[in-house]
Each structure stands twice: as structure tokens, then as C-alpha cells.
Amino acid sequence: MWIKVIIVLVFIGIVASLASGLFHLVREKGDSRRTVRALTWRIGLSIGLFAFLMILIALGVIEPHGVYPEPSAGAEANK
């Protein structure tokens, strides 16, 4: 459960950073330091989330599945 909370919080941070970058881009036409800083945070959070997910997969904490995961043996026995 705590893993899902962390992932959602990081996603919210990524979207907030993207919105902040857009705000600074539109508002401050001549100075782009804040825009660059906000978008750098977004890239850092995205790379961090990707690395976090890859580590969790490698440790076996979470298990990836495809778009159409194959049903387990127990699911077919129930039919």
C-alpha cells in the first residue's frame, strides 16, 4: 500500500512541476531560470520514479504484467 502512495505522490509532484514550468514560461517571458529549474525537477522526479520502479521489480516487491496478462491457473479452473 505504501508503494502506491509513494508512486501517486511522485506523479503529483511531476504534474505540479510541469504546471509550474508552464506558469513561469507564460508569465516571465524574458527570464527562463525558473522554467528551467521547474522542468529540471520534473525530469529528475521522472527518472527517480523510473529507477524506483525498476528496483522494486528487481527485488520482487512488485511484478509487472503485460497489457493482456495471462490468467493464472486458478482462474481457469474456476470456469
C-alpha atoms as a PDB file:
ATOM      1  CA  MET A   1       0.000   0.000   0.000  1.00  0.00           C
ATOM      2  CA  TRP A   2       2.768   2.444   0.861  1.00  0.00           C
ATOM      3  CA  ILE A   3       4.369   1.873  -2.542  1.00  0.00           C
ATOM      4  CA  LYS A   4       1.198   3.061  -4.293  1.00  0.00           C
ATOM      5  CA  VAL A   5       1.122   6.171  -2.100  1.00  0.00           C
ATOM      6  CA  ILE A   6       4.746   6.982  -2.978  1.00  0.00           C
ATOM      7  CA  ILE A   7       4.090   6.493  -6.694  1.00  0.00           C
ATOM      8  CA  VAL A   8       0.981   8.703  -6.628  1.00  0.00           C
ATOM      9  CA  LEU A   9       2.805  11.429  -4.680  1.00  0.00           C
ATOM     10  CA  VAL A  10       5.677  11.420  -7.175  1.00  0.00           C
ATOM     11  CA  PHE A  11       3.191  11.619 -10.069  1.00  0.00           C
ATOM     12  CA  ILE A  12       1.543  14.603  -8.393  1.00  0.00           C
ATOM     13  CA  GLY A  13       4.987  16.185  -7.989  1.00  0.00           C
ATOM     14  CA  ILE A  14       5.746  15.614 -11.681  1.00  0.00           C
ATOM     15  CA  VAL A  15       2.467  17.224 -12.765  1.00  0.00           C
ATOM     16  CA  ALA A  16       2.937  20.122 -10.319  1.00  0.00           C
ATOM     17  CA  SER A  17       6.444  20.734 -11.620  1.00  0.00           C
ATOM     18  CA  LEU A  18       5.192  20.668 -15.199  1.00  0.00           C
ATOM     19  CA  ALA A  19       2.438  23.154 -14.334  1.00  0.00           C
ATOM     20  CA  SER A  20       4.957  25.369 -12.554  1.00  0.00           C
ATOM     21  CA  GLY A  21       7.210  25.328 -15.610  1.00  0.00           C
ATOM     22  CA  LEU A  22       4.297  26.301 -17.837  1.00  0.00           C
ATOM     23  CA  PHE A  23       3.284  29.100 -15.466  1.00  0.00           C
ATOM     24  CA  HIS A  24       6.799  30.558 -15.378  1.00  0.00           C
ATOM     25  CA  LEU A  25       7.162  30.194 -19.142  1.00  0.00           C
ATOM     26  CA  VAL A  26       3.987  32.165 -19.803  1.00  0.00           C
ATOM     27  CA  ARG A  27       4.370  34.732 -17.029  1.00  0.00           C
ATOM     28  CA  GLU A  28       8.092  35.596 -17.289  1.00  0.00           C
ATOM     29  CA  LYS A  29       8.835  35.983 -20.950  1.00  0.00           C
ATOM     30  CA  GLY A  30      12.400  37.303 -20.577  1.00  0.00           C
ATOM     31  CA  ASP A  31      13.758  35.218 -17.674  1.00  0.00           C
ATOM     32  CA  SER A  32      13.660  31.454 -18.049  1.00  0.00           C
ATOM     33  CA  ARG A  33      15.674  30.343 -14.991  1.00  0.00           C
ATOM     34  CA  ARG A  34      12.546  29.364 -13.054  1.00  0.00           C
ATOM     35  CA  THR A  35      11.171  27.500 -16.053  1.00  0.00           C
ATOM     36  CA  VAL A  36      14.393  25.546 -16.455  1.00  0.00           C
ATOM     37  CA  ARG A  37      14.505  24.774 -12.732  1.00  0.00           C
ATOM     38  CA  ALA A  38      10.899  23.513 -12.723  1.00  0.00           C
ATOM     39  CA  LEU A  39      11.427  21.328 -15.774  1.00  0.00           C
ATOM     40  CA  THR A  40      14.704  20.007 -14.339  1.00  0.00           C
ATOM     41  CA  TRP A  41      12.773  18.928 -11.230  1.00  0.00           C
ATOM     42  CA  ARG A  42      10.228  17.205 -13.474  1.00  0.00           C
ATOM     43  CA  ILE A  43      12.934  15.273 -15.298  1.00  0.00           C
ATOM     44  CA  GLY A  44      14.621  14.350 -12.010  1.00  0.00           C
ATOM     45  CA  LEU A  45      11.368  13.111 -10.496  1.00  0.00           C
ATOM     46  CA  SER A  46      10.560  11.106 -13.633  1.00  0.00           C
ATOM     47  CA  ILE A  47      13.977   9.433 -13.700  1.00  0.00           C
ATOM     48  CA  GLY A  48      13.769   8.803  -9.949  1.00  0.00           C
ATOM     49  CA  LEU A  49      10.339   7.200 -10.278  1.00  0.00           C
ATOM     50  CA  PHE A  50      11.544   5.014 -13.150  1.00  0.00           C
ATOM     51  CA  ALA A  51      14.602   3.904 -11.139  1.00  0.00           C
ATOM     52  CA  PHE A  52      12.418   3.264  -8.068  1.00  0.00           C
ATOM     53  CA  LEU A  53      10.069   1.056 -10.101  1.00  0.00           C
ATOM     54  CA  MET A  54      12.965  -0.858 -11.681  1.00  0.00           C
ATOM     55  CA  ILE A  55      14.491  -1.503  -8.239  1.00  0.00           C
ATOM     56  CA  LEU A  56      11.147  -2.733  -6.888  1.00  0.00           C
ATOM     57  CA  ILE A  57      10.779  -5.072  -9.871  1.00  0.00           C
ATOM     58  CA  ALA A  58      14.339  -6.374  -9.413  1.00  0.00           C
ATOM     59  CA  LEU A  59      13.713  -7.030  -5.713  1.00  0.00           C
ATOM     60  CA  GLY A  60      10.443  -8.801  -6.485  1.00  0.00           C
ATOM     61  CA  VAL A  61       8.337  -6.365  -4.485  1.00  0.00           C
ATOM     62  CA  ILE A  62       6.121  -5.644  -7.494  1.00  0.00           C
ATOM     63  CA  GLU A  63       5.501  -7.813 -10.522  1.00  0.00           C
ATOM     64  CA  PRO A  64       4.992  -6.286 -13.958  1.00  0.00           C
ATOM     65  CA  HIS A  65       2.370  -7.627 -16.330  1.00  0.00           C
ATOM     66  CA  GLY A  66       1.564  -7.067 -19.961  1.00  0.00           C
ATOM     67  CA  VAL A  67      -1.365  -5.279 -21.480  1.00  0.00           C
ATOM     68  CA  TYR A  68      -3.261  -8.559 -21.637  1.00  0.00           C
ATOM     69  CA  PRO A  69      -1.872 -10.603 -18.741  1.00  0.00           C
ATOM     70  CA  GLU A  70      -2.359 -14.333 -18.963  1.00  0.00           C
ATOM     71  CA  PRO A  71      -4.890 -15.660 -16.469  1.00  0.00           C
ATOM     72  CA  SER A  72      -3.490 -17.688 -13.609  1.00  0.00           C
ATOM     73  CA  ALA A  73      -4.079 -21.445 -13.359  1.00  0.00           C
ATOM     74  CA  GLY A  74      -6.604 -20.918 -10.573  1.00  0.00           C
ATOM     75  CA  ALA A  75      -8.689 -18.556 -12.688  1.00  0.00           C
ATOM     76  CA  GLU A  76      -9.093 -21.108 -15.472  1.00  0.00           C
ATOM     77  CA  ALA A  77     -10.082 -23.849 -13.018  1.00  0.00           C
ATOM     78  CA  ASN A  78     -12.972 -21.686 -11.783  1.00  0.00           C
ATOM     79  CA  LYS A  79     -14.591 -21.552 -15.248  1.00  0.00           C
END
